[in-house]
Amino acid sequence: MIRLLVADDSPLMRRLLRELFEAEGGFEVELARDGLEVLERLAAFKPQVITLDVQMPGLDGLACLDRIMVERPTPVVMVSALTRAGAEESLRALELGAVEVVAKPSGALSLKMDRFGPQLLEAVRAASQARLPIARRLAERVRSRVRPLREAATAPAPAPSPALRRRSAARRPPSDGLVVVGCSTGGPAALDVVLSALPGDFPWPVVVAQHMPASFTGALARRLDGLTDLSVREVTGSAALRAGGVYIGRGDADLVIGARPEGLVALAAPSDAGFRWHPSVDRLMDSAMALVAPTRIVGVLMTGMGDDGAASMRRLRAGGGRTIAEAESTAVVWGMPGELVRAGGAEFVEPLDRIGLRLAQMAGAA
């Protein structure tokens, strides 16, 4: 039985969510109207998971989340509006320690529960398995360790500015390597850590399938672009693969690798119902292996619930490619990387703060 605290200022939303979880079974549900009621129930109810609306009167969702992580760290699933502002707030929530974000549909919610309900149920179940003490503020803690390590491994000669390195990298064709990254719950903070460890002149393109709603992946790409030395963009159409470029698949769609006369491109594709999660890691990897020799691909599978990416990365490894699975000690949810390890498809099993350094070594950029 999972003790779940649902916080939302809408009486209709609270009623619908109570009915959703009680009908599913396996949940003990309590309700809160705002952030102050959430804090009041922390000690008495001891929830194992909290769903938290971003917009609430009085103590809003972000302020409440910050207090939760100080007073009684608990896995939190944020429920956010489908707006640009909502996306930015959601990413801030992930920085503060939330383990997942689910997009709240606009309009008549009662008519959209068939789609929204299963997404929220899956997110809450994933959150109930989260290793919160490892995940909380992980990006900030690990980045402070990774950057000195990377700088210590670099010759002390003056370096060009990050902006100049990124502009130069964006003009360079890729070398003969390609990195395919897959992640889900806990992935945004994990991507921050890994990409921050890579130099702006990293010689390979990096393509990323992060399970996330479409309204959030653009904000994620913008945030990562501002935090790392790499050039990061969301793929909404076709994008030529370039060295030092990171290509984030648009949420609720798929990301695939295609070929053009001028070289390889990342393409946004409608989601394929044959794959459960989107953007699909397995579909991305399969498309890459159809055009690029496995020996030229590195697959990285990080935190997330389920098994997306495990089968295709095992095939990659069997074909001579290289693979890295995030270690259980740092994964928020050791589902996807754990499946790769159990299938015998992981060449390296690395804690999060070592993955970027391992990639840099493989690419000869360290």
Protein backbone atom coordinates (compact mmCIF):
# COMPACT_ATOMS: atom_id res chain seq x y z
CA MET A 1 0.00 0.00 0.00
CA ILE A 2 1.47 3.34 -1.10
CA ARG A 3 0.62 6.31 1.13
CA LEU A 4 -0.13 9.14 -1.31
CA LEU A 5 -0.78 12.79 -0.52
CA VAL A 6 -2.54 14.67 -3.34
CA ALA A 7 -2.25 18.47 -3.25
CA ASP A 8 -4.33 20.67 -5.52
CA ASP A 9 -6.40 23.79 -4.96
CA SER A 10 -9.18 22.58 -7.25
CA PRO A 11 -11.90 20.55 -5.47
CA LEU A 12 -12.74 18.81 -8.77
CA MET A 13 -9.11 17.85 -9.35
CA ARG A 14 -8.77 16.48 -5.81
CA ARG A 15 -11.95 14.41 -6.23
CA LEU A 16 -10.91 13.02 -9.62
CA LEU A 17 -7.45 12.08 -8.39
CA ARG A 18 -8.79 10.40 -5.26
CA GLU A 19 -11.17 8.36 -7.42
CA LEU A 20 -8.34 7.51 -9.84
CA PHE A 21 -5.99 6.12 -7.20
CA GLU A 22 -8.63 4.42 -5.07
CA ALA A 23 -10.06 2.68 -8.15
CA GLU A 24 -6.56 1.50 -9.08
CA GLY A 25 -6.05 -0.04 -5.66
CA GLY A 26 -2.87 -0.22 -3.63
CA PHE A 27 -3.03 3.42 -2.53
CA GLU A 28 -3.95 5.10 0.75
CA VAL A 29 -4.90 8.62 -0.30
CA GLU A 30 -5.10 11.87 1.65
CA LEU A 31 -5.84 15.30 0.20
CA ALA A 32 -4.45 18.80 0.70
CA ARG A 33 -5.82 22.09 -0.63
CA ASP A 34 -2.53 24.02 -0.64
CA GLY A 35 1.13 23.93 0.31
CA LEU A 36 0.51 24.74 3.96
CA GLU A 37 -1.79 21.73 4.34
CA VAL A 38 0.87 19.55 2.71
CA LEU A 39 3.43 20.61 5.32
CA GLU A 40 0.90 19.99 8.12
CA ARG A 41 0.37 16.40 6.92
CA LEU A 42 4.04 15.48 6.42
CA ALA A 43 4.69 14.28 9.96
CA ALA A 44 1.24 12.84 10.73
CA PHE A 45 0.52 11.00 7.48
CA LYS A 46 4.15 10.29 6.45
CA PRO A 47 3.34 10.06 2.72
CA GLN A 48 5.55 7.88 0.54
CA VAL A 49 4.72 10.00 -2.53
CA ILE A 50 3.23 13.47 -2.97
CA THR A 51 1.56 14.86 -6.09
CA LEU A 52 1.94 18.61 -6.02
CA ASP A 53 0.25 21.19 -8.21
CA VAL A 54 2.64 23.95 -9.27
CA GLN A 55 0.08 26.75 -9.04
CA MET A 56 -1.57 26.98 -5.61
CA PRO A 57 -2.60 29.96 -3.47
CA GLY A 58 -0.58 30.92 -0.43
CA LEU A 59 2.43 28.61 -0.42
CA ASP A 60 2.80 27.60 -4.06
CA GLY A 61 4.10 24.29 -5.35
CA LEU A 62 7.75 25.30 -5.75
CA ALA A 63 7.99 26.90 -2.32
CA CYS A 64 6.24 23.90 -0.79
CA LEU A 65 8.57 21.48 -2.58
CA ASP A 66 11.60 23.32 -1.24
CA ARG A 67 10.23 23.03 2.31
CA ILE A 68 9.43 19.32 1.85
CA MET A 69 13.00 18.58 0.80
CA VAL A 70 14.29 20.29 3.95
CA GLU A 71 11.73 19.10 6.50
CA ARG A 72 10.98 15.55 5.32
CA PRO A 73 12.44 14.59 1.93
CA THR A 74 9.73 12.69 0.05
CA PRO A 75 9.38 11.69 -3.62
CA VAL A 76 7.28 14.36 -5.33
CA VAL A 77 5.50 14.27 -8.68
CA MET A 78 4.76 17.78 -9.93
CA VAL A 79 1.55 18.38 -11.89
CA SER A 80 2.16 21.33 -14.20
CA ALA A 81 0.18 23.36 -16.72
CA LEU A 82 0.88 22.96 -20.45
CA THR A 83 2.43 26.40 -20.86
CA ARG A 84 5.94 27.74 -21.41
CA ALA A 85 5.88 29.22 -17.91
CA GLY A 86 4.69 25.88 -16.57
CA ALA A 87 7.56 24.12 -18.32
CA GLU A 88 10.14 26.47 -16.81
CA GLU A 89 8.61 26.00 -13.36
CA SER A 90 8.65 22.24 -13.84
CA LEU A 91 12.36 22.21 -14.59
CA ARG A 92 12.95 24.34 -11.52
CA ALA A 93 10.97 21.75 -9.54
CA LEU A 94 13.26 19.00 -10.83
CA GLU A 95 16.25 21.04 -9.67
CA LEU A 96 14.67 21.36 -6.23
CA GLY A 97 14.24 17.59 -5.91
CA ALA A 98 11.02 16.52 -7.64
CA VAL A 99 11.47 13.15 -9.33
CA GLU A 100 8.91 13.53 -12.12
CA VAL A 101 6.65 16.04 -13.84
CA VAL A 102 3.29 15.28 -15.43
CA ALA A 103 1.48 17.75 -17.68
CA LYS A 104 -1.98 18.74 -16.47
CA PRO A 105 -4.38 18.88 -19.42
CA SER A 106 -6.19 22.11 -20.10
CA GLY A 107 -9.95 22.43 -20.48
CA ALA A 108 -12.45 19.90 -19.16
CA LEU A 109 -10.23 17.66 -17.06
CA SER A 110 -12.96 15.08 -16.45
CA LEU A 111 -13.06 14.44 -20.21
CA LYS A 112 -9.29 13.91 -20.44
CA MET A 113 -8.69 11.54 -17.52
CA ASP A 114 -8.39 8.53 -19.85
CA ARG A 115 -5.05 9.93 -21.05
CA PHE A 116 -3.92 11.91 -18.02
CA GLY A 117 -4.79 9.26 -15.42
CA PRO A 118 -2.52 6.45 -16.66
CA GLN A 119 0.38 8.90 -17.06
CA LEU A 120 0.00 10.08 -13.48
CA LEU A 121 -0.38 6.53 -12.14
CA GLU A 122 2.83 5.46 -13.84
CA ALA A 123 4.68 8.53 -12.57
CA VAL A 124 3.54 7.95 -8.99
CA ARG A 125 4.54 4.28 -9.10
CA ALA A 126 7.96 5.28 -10.42
CA ALA A 127 8.29 7.91 -7.69
CA SER A 128 7.47 5.33 -5.03
CA GLN A 129 10.62 3.46 -6.10
CA ALA A 130 12.85 6.54 -6.25
CA ARG A 131 16.06 6.77 -4.25
CA LEU A 132 15.44 10.29 -3.09
CA PRO A 133 18.53 10.85 -0.91
CA ILE A 134 20.69 10.18 -3.96
CA ALA A 135 18.57 12.20 -6.36
CA ARG A 136 17.98 15.30 -4.26
CA ARG A 137 19.98 18.26 -5.55
CA LEU A 138 22.15 15.76 -7.42
CA ALA A 139 23.00 18.00 -10.34
CA GLU A 140 24.33 20.78 -8.16
CA ARG A 141 26.40 18.44 -5.98
CA VAL A 142 27.88 16.38 -8.77
CA ARG A 143 28.56 19.29 -11.11
CA SER A 144 30.72 20.86 -8.41
CA ARG A 145 32.82 17.68 -8.40
CA VAL A 146 32.86 16.99 -12.14
CA ARG A 147 34.02 20.39 -13.33
CA PRO A 148 37.21 20.46 -11.20
CA LEU A 149 38.02 16.91 -12.33
CA ARG A 150 37.60 17.87 -15.97
CA GLU A 151 39.62 21.07 -15.53
CA ALA A 152 42.40 19.22 -13.72
CA ALA A 153 42.69 16.78 -16.61
CA THR A 154 43.09 19.65 -19.10
CA ALA A 155 46.38 21.41 -19.88
CA PRO A 156 46.56 24.84 -18.24
CA ALA A 157 46.84 26.64 -21.61
CA PRO A 158 44.31 29.45 -22.10
CA ALA A 159 41.07 28.11 -23.54
CA PRO A 160 38.63 29.86 -25.88
CA SER A 161 35.40 31.06 -24.35
CA PRO A 162 32.52 28.51 -24.13
CA ALA A 163 30.52 30.53 -26.65
CA LEU A 164 33.39 30.53 -29.15
CA ARG A 165 33.99 26.81 -28.65
CA ARG A 166 30.29 26.10 -29.18
CA ARG A 167 30.13 28.19 -32.37
CA SER A 168 33.22 26.46 -33.69
CA ALA A 169 31.87 23.01 -32.81
CA ALA A 170 28.54 23.73 -34.50
CA ARG A 171 30.36 24.28 -37.82
CA ARG A 172 32.39 21.08 -37.63
CA PRO A 173 31.12 17.85 -39.17
CA PRO A 174 31.06 14.98 -36.67
CA SER A 175 33.92 12.56 -36.41
CA ASP A 176 33.19 8.86 -36.74
CA GLY A 177 31.39 8.53 -33.40
CA LEU A 178 27.79 8.91 -32.25
CA VAL A 179 26.45 8.90 -28.68
CA VAL A 180 22.86 7.73 -28.05
CA VAL A 181 21.48 8.53 -24.59
CA GLY A 182 18.26 7.24 -23.06
CA CYS A 183 16.67 8.28 -19.76
CA SER A 184 13.32 8.80 -18.06
CA THR A 185 12.45 9.51 -14.40
CA GLY A 186 15.30 11.54 -12.93
CA GLY A 187 16.76 12.12 -16.39
CA PRO A 188 16.87 15.95 -16.57
CA ALA A 189 19.20 16.23 -13.57
CA ALA A 190 21.23 13.27 -14.84
CA LEU A 191 21.64 14.90 -18.27
CA ASP A 192 22.83 18.07 -16.57
CA VAL A 193 25.57 16.14 -14.78
CA VAL A 194 26.72 14.11 -17.79
CA LEU A 195 26.67 16.92 -20.34
CA SER A 196 28.40 19.31 -17.95
CA ALA A 197 31.35 16.91 -17.89
CA LEU A 198 31.82 17.12 -21.68
CA PRO A 199 33.93 19.89 -23.27
CA GLY A 200 32.43 22.23 -25.85
CA ASP A 201 34.72 20.70 -28.49
CA PHE A 202 33.46 17.17 -27.84
CA PRO A 203 33.98 15.49 -31.24
CA TRP A 204 30.76 13.45 -31.49
CA PRO A 205 27.08 14.37 -31.73
CA VAL A 206 24.92 13.32 -28.78
CA VAL A 207 21.28 12.34 -29.43
CA VAL A 208 18.96 12.05 -26.44
CA ALA A 209 15.64 10.29 -25.89
CA GLN A 210 14.29 11.63 -22.59
CA HIS A 211 10.78 10.49 -21.71
CA MET A 212 8.94 13.77 -21.16
CA PRO A 213 5.81 15.64 -22.28
CA ALA A 214 6.17 17.69 -25.45
CA SER A 215 5.58 20.96 -23.60
CA PHE A 216 8.68 20.41 -21.44
CA THR A 217 11.45 19.21 -23.78
CA GLY A 218 11.99 22.62 -25.37
CA ALA A 219 12.51 24.16 -21.94
CA LEU A 220 14.84 21.32 -21.01
CA ALA A 221 16.97 21.92 -24.12
CA ARG A 222 17.16 25.65 -23.43
CA ARG A 223 18.16 25.05 -19.84
CA LEU A 224 20.89 22.55 -20.74
CA ASP A 225 22.16 24.85 -23.48
CA GLY A 226 22.69 27.54 -20.86
CA LEU A 227 24.33 25.24 -18.31
CA THR A 228 26.82 23.31 -20.44
CA ASP A 229 29.59 24.06 -22.94
CA LEU A 230 27.73 22.10 -25.62
CA SER A 231 25.20 23.36 -28.14
CA VAL A 232 21.86 21.84 -27.09
CA ARG A 233 18.62 21.99 -29.10
CA GLU A 234 15.23 20.32 -29.22
CA VAL A 235 14.60 18.48 -32.49
CA THR A 236 11.23 19.53 -33.89
CA GLY A 237 11.96 18.83 -37.56
CA SER A 238 15.30 17.91 -39.12
CA ALA A 239 18.71 18.78 -37.66
CA ALA A 240 22.10 17.99 -39.20
CA LEU A 241 24.32 16.17 -36.70
CA ARG A 242 27.39 18.18 -35.77
CA ALA A 243 30.30 17.65 -33.39
CA GLY A 244 29.61 19.23 -30.01
CA GLY A 245 25.87 19.21 -30.67
CA VAL A 246 23.27 17.68 -28.37
CA TYR A 247 19.88 16.83 -29.89
CA ILE A 248 16.93 16.38 -27.51
CA GLY A 249 13.95 14.47 -28.88
CA ARG A 250 10.63 16.30 -28.69
CA GLY A 251 8.36 14.88 -26.02
CA ASP A 252 5.42 12.64 -26.94
CA ALA A 253 7.07 11.99 -30.34
CA ASP A 254 10.06 9.90 -31.39
CA LEU A 255 13.58 10.84 -32.42
CA VAL A 256 15.24 8.90 -35.25
CA ILE A 257 18.47 9.12 -37.22
CA GLY A 258 18.18 9.69 -40.97
CA ALA A 259 20.56 10.17 -43.89
CA ARG A 260 20.81 13.11 -46.25
CA PRO A 261 23.35 13.77 -49.05
CA GLU A 262 25.19 16.10 -46.69
CA GLY A 263 25.33 13.57 -43.85
CA LEU A 264 23.37 12.21 -40.89
CA VAL A 265 20.44 14.10 -39.42
CA ALA A 266 18.23 13.81 -36.35
CA LEU A 267 14.54 13.74 -37.26
CA ALA A 268 11.38 14.25 -35.25
CA ALA A 269 8.93 11.44 -36.05
CA PRO A 270 5.36 10.76 -34.94
CA SER A 271 5.32 8.38 -31.98
CA ASP A 272 5.18 4.71 -33.01
CA ALA A 273 2.50 2.79 -31.10
CA GLY A 274 4.75 -0.26 -31.24
CA PHE A 275 6.89 1.34 -28.53
CA ARG A 276 5.51 2.03 -25.08
CA TRP A 277 7.54 5.11 -24.08
CA HIS A 278 8.29 8.27 -26.05
CA PRO A 279 10.64 9.49 -27.26
CA SER A 280 11.55 5.81 -27.62
CA VAL A 281 15.15 4.89 -26.80
CA ASP A 282 14.82 1.56 -28.61
CA ARG A 283 13.50 3.20 -31.78
CA LEU A 284 16.25 5.83 -31.71
CA MET A 285 18.97 3.22 -31.25
CA ASP A 286 17.56 0.94 -33.95
CA SER A 287 17.49 3.83 -36.42
CA ALA A 288 21.09 4.71 -35.55
CA MET A 289 22.31 1.14 -36.05
CA ALA A 290 20.56 0.98 -39.43
CA LEU A 291 22.85 3.76 -40.71
CA VAL A 292 25.94 3.71 -38.51
CA ALA A 293 28.21 0.74 -37.79
CA PRO A 294 27.72 -0.44 -34.19
CA THR A 295 31.45 -0.03 -33.60
CA ARG A 296 30.97 3.72 -34.10
CA ILE A 297 28.14 4.08 -31.57
CA VAL A 298 28.21 4.49 -27.79
CA GLY A 299 24.93 3.85 -25.98
CA VAL A 300 24.27 5.38 -22.56
CA LEU A 301 21.27 4.24 -20.52
CA MET A 302 20.46 6.16 -17.37
CA THR A 303 17.79 6.46 -14.71
CA GLY A 304 14.21 5.57 -15.55
CA MET A 305 11.37 3.16 -14.90
CA GLY A 306 10.80 0.28 -17.30
CA ASP A 307 13.13 -1.29 -19.85
CA ASP A 308 13.20 1.12 -22.81
CA GLY A 309 16.59 0.96 -24.49
CA ALA A 310 17.80 -2.23 -22.81
CA ALA A 311 17.06 -4.54 -25.76
CA SER A 312 18.53 -2.30 -28.45
CA MET A 313 21.63 -1.47 -26.43
CA ARG A 314 22.19 -5.15 -25.77
CA ARG A 315 22.08 -5.67 -29.55
CA LEU A 316 24.47 -2.77 -29.97
CA ARG A 317 26.95 -4.36 -27.57
CA ALA A 318 26.61 -7.77 -29.24
CA GLY A 319 27.43 -6.10 -32.57
CA GLY A 320 30.64 -4.56 -31.27
CA GLY A 321 29.33 -1.23 -29.99
CA ARG A 322 30.06 0.22 -26.60
CA THR A 323 27.56 0.76 -23.79
CA ILE A 324 27.40 2.50 -20.43
CA ALA A 325 24.72 1.86 -17.82
CA GLU A 326 24.22 4.15 -14.85
CA ALA A 327 25.04 2.42 -11.57
CA GLU A 328 22.26 1.61 -9.13
CA SER A 329 23.97 3.74 -6.46
CA THR A 330 23.11 7.01 -8.28
CA ALA A 331 20.03 6.17 -10.37
CA VAL A 332 16.78 7.70 -9.16
CA VAL A 333 15.03 4.59 -10.54
CA TRP A 334 17.32 1.74 -11.60
CA GLY A 335 14.85 0.28 -14.10
CA MET A 336 16.19 0.98 -17.59
CA PRO A 337 19.92 0.72 -16.80
CA GLY A 338 19.27 -2.23 -14.49
CA GLU A 339 17.60 -4.15 -17.30
CA LEU A 340 20.62 -3.55 -19.52
CA VAL A 341 22.97 -4.78 -16.82
CA ARG A 342 20.86 -7.88 -16.11
CA ALA A 343 20.77 -8.66 -19.85
CA GLY A 344 24.57 -8.61 -19.97
CA GLY A 345 24.62 -5.67 -22.38
CA ALA A 346 26.52 -3.12 -20.30
CA GLU A 347 30.24 -2.78 -21.04
CA PHE A 348 30.61 -0.24 -18.23
CA VAL A 349 28.44 0.36 -15.16
CA GLU A 350 29.30 3.82 -13.89
CA PRO A 351 27.97 6.17 -11.21
CA LEU A 352 26.53 9.32 -12.69
CA ASP A 353 29.53 11.50 -11.97
CA ARG A 354 31.77 9.16 -14.01
CA ILE A 355 29.66 8.76 -17.15
CA GLY A 356 30.66 12.04 -18.78
CA LEU A 357 34.32 11.43 -18.04
CA ARG A 358 34.05 7.93 -19.52
CA LEU A 359 32.48 9.37 -22.68
CA ALA A 360 35.23 11.98 -22.94
CA GLN A 361 37.84 9.23 -22.68
CA MET A 362 36.13 7.16 -25.37
CA ALA A 363 36.02 10.13 -27.71
CA GLY A 364 39.60 11.14 -26.97
CA ALA A 365 38.38 14.44 -25.56
CA ALA A 366 39.69 14.00 -22.03
